[in-house]
Amino acid sequence: MSKLAKQLIEENLRTKDPYLDLGNCGLDGTEAILDRLAECEHLETLIFSNVWWDGTGGYTTGKHFVLRQVPAHLPTQLKKLVLAGNQIQQIENLEQLKQLNFLDLSHNQISNIENLDQLKQLSYLDLSYNQITKIKNLEQLSQLKQLQLHKNQITKIENLGPLQQLTELNLSENRNTAVIKQVAYFKQLEKVDLSDNQVFHSLIRLSGLRKLKKLRKLYLAIDFHLTLEDLELENLVVKYIENEDFTSENRLKISNLNNLKELNLEGQGINKFILKGNYPKLKTLSLEKTYNLNIKEIIENIAMHTKVTNLTLNDLHFEYLPFEVFRMTQLEVLSLNNTPIKDLPKHSNLTQLKRLSLSGCKALKTIPQDLHNLEELDISNGCVPQGLMGLLQKNQQLKYLDIGNNAYPYIPELPNLEYLNLSKARVQTVSFLRNLTKLRELHLGNNQIKDLTPLLKLENLEVLDVSINKVKSFPISLVKHSLNLRELYLEGNPIENLPERKPNNVIEAIRNYIQALEEDEVIPNDQVKVLLLGNSTTGKSTLIEYLTSQNFTEAQLSTHGIKHIIWKPFAQLKDATDEERNIKVAIWDFGGQEFYHATHSLFFSNKALYLILFDQKTNFQGIKDTWIYLYENSQKVQKEVPLEHFHYHYWLDNVLHYNNQPDILLIQNKCDISEAIEIPTATKNAYSLSSNKHIFYISVKDAFHKQDKGDFQVFRNKLLDHIRNNIGKFENSKRWQEIKNKVQSEWAAENVLSFDQYVIRCQGIKPNIHDKKTPDEQSQLDTLTEMLHEQGVLLHFPDISELKNDVYVNPAWLTDCIYKVLDYSVIKNKGRFDFSHIKKIAQNIVGINTHKLLALLKHFKLIFEIQRFGKQFFITPQYLPEKFDEEIQLAIDTFKDTSKPKPCFVLSYPDFLPVSVFLKFLAIYGNLHKQHWYNKNELVFIKDDQVIVAKCTRNQDIRQISIEISGKHSKLTQEMFDALYAIDSSENLKASIDGKVFTSIEEIRNPTYRSFYQKDFWFILGESPKINSKFKDILEALQEGQLEQAVDSVIPHVLENEGLTIKLFQTKKNLIDANKLLEDNQEKSLMRSQVVESLKEILDELENSSLGNETWVSKEEKEINPIQIIENAMFCLKEAEYSGYFEEMDKIKIDLTNPTLYSSFKQKFMSGNMDELFAQRLYTFTKAALEDLRNK
């Protein structure tokens, strides 16, 4: 039972509040406490969702839940019910809610619409993001006004005739092929979204929509030639028009839409846009990414016939704004983001402009100075024009300013500023912000800021981001003074005066920390974490034993999993201070075996000291048979197993990968039996290691026998210095510290406590520690538990239903449980085990059961599940073989030859590729494998009927993961990248589409370069460009300003058309003349723009003419069109690529006019016997063959 839900329901019964939010209460719909909802007869609104019904975030912040069914006993007087974002499969238990007028069942797993007949008062129904294929059982909902059915699999609209009150209908992203005709029956419709349906009709007017006299908003993303006229629309959104099967002239014609207030065209499919008539009410026009349009012509029309106040021209390719824009003196909003615009006039006449967006306009040199009413300015991402400071100084009324991602570390005093973004602006001091007291939102991430005290006066702050800076001391009074502060981001700073905390928004955690300090006695932090890493058998455990007890065991057992020890190194030192004598070192000794690495990073921390131990014998990268101790049938046994060893560079890279500037000691052990290995200067520099402070050569054995030369004592003294320097300089609540000490000592002996037990024990130390003023607040105990989890003192998983009610107060015990399951028998069985194995292990462990163990293994992505012959098995990726055997490899090669997967992308990890990255990927997708086609470094699987080949290459020189996919794979490409990036999103990660040229993810996602990388890396940017034309490559060259390439690419297509040939060569001459102008100015830009327009006209004529000559054939026949093949061959001739020419010509499946002559040409080429006239003769022959085919 959820305590929070019980508390909220009982409180609601007492207060009779008509509103109740049970989101984030950890419910699944079957809890007995929910039966009491029937008593809440006063209730009108009931929320069962982790987010608000309007998407703004959950009210309560307890534990997330996933309802699996609609609760059975709901109050009958409900008017609004929200069940969004769950796993409900069936609509049920709603019949009694006869007063219900609002029902949200979106984001579930519903496949059938049913059991809604009795809800006759329903006016709003949301069934979006489900699995519905057919509309039915809605006939009785005659009062329904808003129906949301987007993101389903609906193929036909039916049974909606009685819903004549519908005013809003969303059918986007379905599979409907006759949607236009069907929606015309609903005469009251005011807003319709039909985007992304599979409408396959050519040259269709939306005449059916004329019947919808009340239609005000229309959203389209369709694949036919479109004409809109005589509609009473107020809002029109067209994302794209695409038509590959019937015509490439993707035209949008709009006429006589006299009520139109907003027009939004977005996407690359529209080639022609015709706007006829006057539009007196049009106020908002957006032409984003409509690369193929003549913007100048459109602007002229708009300026002449409308009074637009909001103009968006983002992501277009013009260097100079058409002068007609500056005649639009009524403009209030102008957005030119990500355009190559070079100049805006000093005197623009846009005196009414309130918002100007120039993000990503990195070529912009000047900015207007007469924007006297400007309130919002965005010049982020590479845009720093001349005159910027002057404009800012003149606009004291400015409220919003974004200069992020620019080298612009200072702004003048703007007393009315409410929003400021100076992220990635090379800011070193924030003293110039101290008087901006109206600031509500301030972004200062990725700078070099050390001191935040000048921000203390900004008491109206609501959002503050100072992540990734150099702040060592955070001014706690900043949180005290800024009472409105609701978001605070501090990650990536070397802050010493705060304890370790969860990343992201930490405002509640810090407020609770401050409150605890004020309520309790304050004591200094007395703990430091030390992590010991290295290969198995290097002597890590022996070192710890000698450091902590002065004992030495010659044949020390290899550490199995993780050992945790508390050490007080200064307790017996005569010259130690009292404060030092209280210092406790929490030592984590990690097993060096490769299969333990998956859990190491759980305990990594920026505030830890890392000891990396190596010896000469095991300091190499490779496999070696090694005697180690591991589990078998829950007992430790000694076995010789092939064990992967690592060079000390691996351990250094491992630590640096997960931590920012950690303190590392590199120690060579067993120097009594081997020579010291000199650490290269390059390594010292790369890892910030100095010979005297960080690099040591020791022999624990000699130290114990007093035979060393003082080397160990030197190491020990330096280690103590590092411990002193690494202890966090933050203060602690005495009672918080007491709880931490109890966890590490007495409670740890019990291994696991129920959450209720844990709360009671903590309340025994501090009675009010779990108190909350409101249900959505985080208690002090919630904060402390999160902090202890981050420090590895305990483990708690509130978001995992099977584990949320337990607190693991002995983390080492929990990892031990994991490796009792993943034991020697699983290694022998190449990573496979069944349910009986884990059940048998769980029976011998007190405090955990089978289902909890499985939940842990799945959470850490250590296993995946498969079905074999009707039986359930589990696979452990880290125990899989490195390679396929020959028979399986042959089967895979044959399968690949048949399915023909194509390279999609390669991710490169320049510094370090953790072993666990690909193993976790295997754990996510392993259950989709094809037959037994997976090993430790490769996975072949099928998803959405496509073959996917994922491969990991990890050696000294190459650290890469590649993805190949068959067929059309845009969705899957995106999914595969997202999965890998979620596992590991390191800063230096790079991507490539060919495996040769790699670009950093950071650069690709930099808005300044977005348009440059959009074509190749759309899956990283989250969108796929749409250019629907057989001249796609040429159009893309035009988009990227590669006019010379575009002109040359058109040449082979016009050779048979004398008129177009003349026009093209005139266009090329104009381009040459434009390029002769040395300076980039308006004249040169205009000439190049004319070249672009001329090329588009030529391409339009080519596509129209090819359509006229095209016979109606199947797609398969189109792919081997002989005319197209010969055209391609002629293009190869122009480039003197004879091999390409013959490769193309050999594809033709019809007889040539003179096959003997063709064979002789090919024979001469193959033998290298080509004379001076070979090319000319071959061209004449080919041209004749083309003419003959056209005549046929």
Foldseek 3Di string as FASTA:
>chain_A
DQPLQLVQLVVCLVVLDQEGECFQRADQQPDPSVLCQQVSLSHAEYEHYQQPPVRPGHPANHFGYAHQAHHQRHHQQYAEYEREQHAHADDDNCLSNCNHAYYHHDNYAYADDDDCLSNQNHAYYAHDHYAHAEDDDCLNNCNHAEYHHDHYAHADDDNCLSNLNHAYYEHEQYAYQCVLQVVLNNQNHAEYEHAHYAHQDEPDESVSVLSNQNHAYYHYAEAYQYEEEDHQYQYYHYAAYHHQAAFQQREYEYEHNQNHAEYAYHFQSHQYYHYDDAHANHAYYAHYHPANYPVLVVLVVCLVRYLHQAYHHELYEFQDDRLSVLVSLNHAHYEHEQYCHAEDDQASSVQNHAEYHHHLNQNHAADHQNNANHAEYHQAFRRDHPCPQVSQVNHLNHAYYEHDLDLAQDHADNQNHAYYAHDNNQHAEDLRVLRNQNHAEYHHDHYAYADDVSVQNNQNYQEYEHAQYAHQDDDLVSLVSNVNHDFYAYHNYNHQADFDFDGGGCSQLSVLQVVLPVVFPKDWFQEAEEEEAFAWPLCRVQVVCCQAPVDGDPDDAQDEAKDWDKGLNCLPPPPDDPSSSSHIYIYIYGGRFQLNVLCVLLQADQLHEYEYEDEPVQQDFDWDFDWHWAADLNDIDTDTDTTTHHHSLQVLLVNVQNYPLHHYAYEYEPCVVPPDDDDDPVVCVVNVHDCQQHYAYYYSVCVSVVNDPCRVVSVVVSVSVVRVVSRRRHMGGPLLVVLLVCLQPVVLVVQKDFQVVSVVVSCVSPVCQCDDPDSNRGGNVNSSLSSCSSNVQKNADSNQSVGNRMIGSHVSVVSSLLRNLVTPVCLVVQFKDALVSLQSSQVPDPPDHSVRSVSVCLVSLQWAWEADPNGIMIGGLVSFDPDDPPVVVVVVVVVCVVQVWAWQKKKFDVRHDRLVLVSSVCSVCVRQADDPPDGNFWTWGDDPNKIKIWGADDDPHTGMITITIGDDDPPVSLVVVVSSCVSPVGQQMWMDRVVPDTDGLVVCCSSNCVLVCCDRPVSSVVHHHDDNDPLVVLSSCVSVVVLVVSLLVCQLLCPVPVVLNVLSVVLVVLLVVLVVPPDDDPVSSVSSVVSSVSSSVSRSVSSVVVSVLDDDDDPVCVVLPVLVLLSQLVSCLVVVNNVSNVVSNVSHPDDFPCVPVVVVLVVCVVVVVADPCSSVVVNVSSVVRSVVVSVD
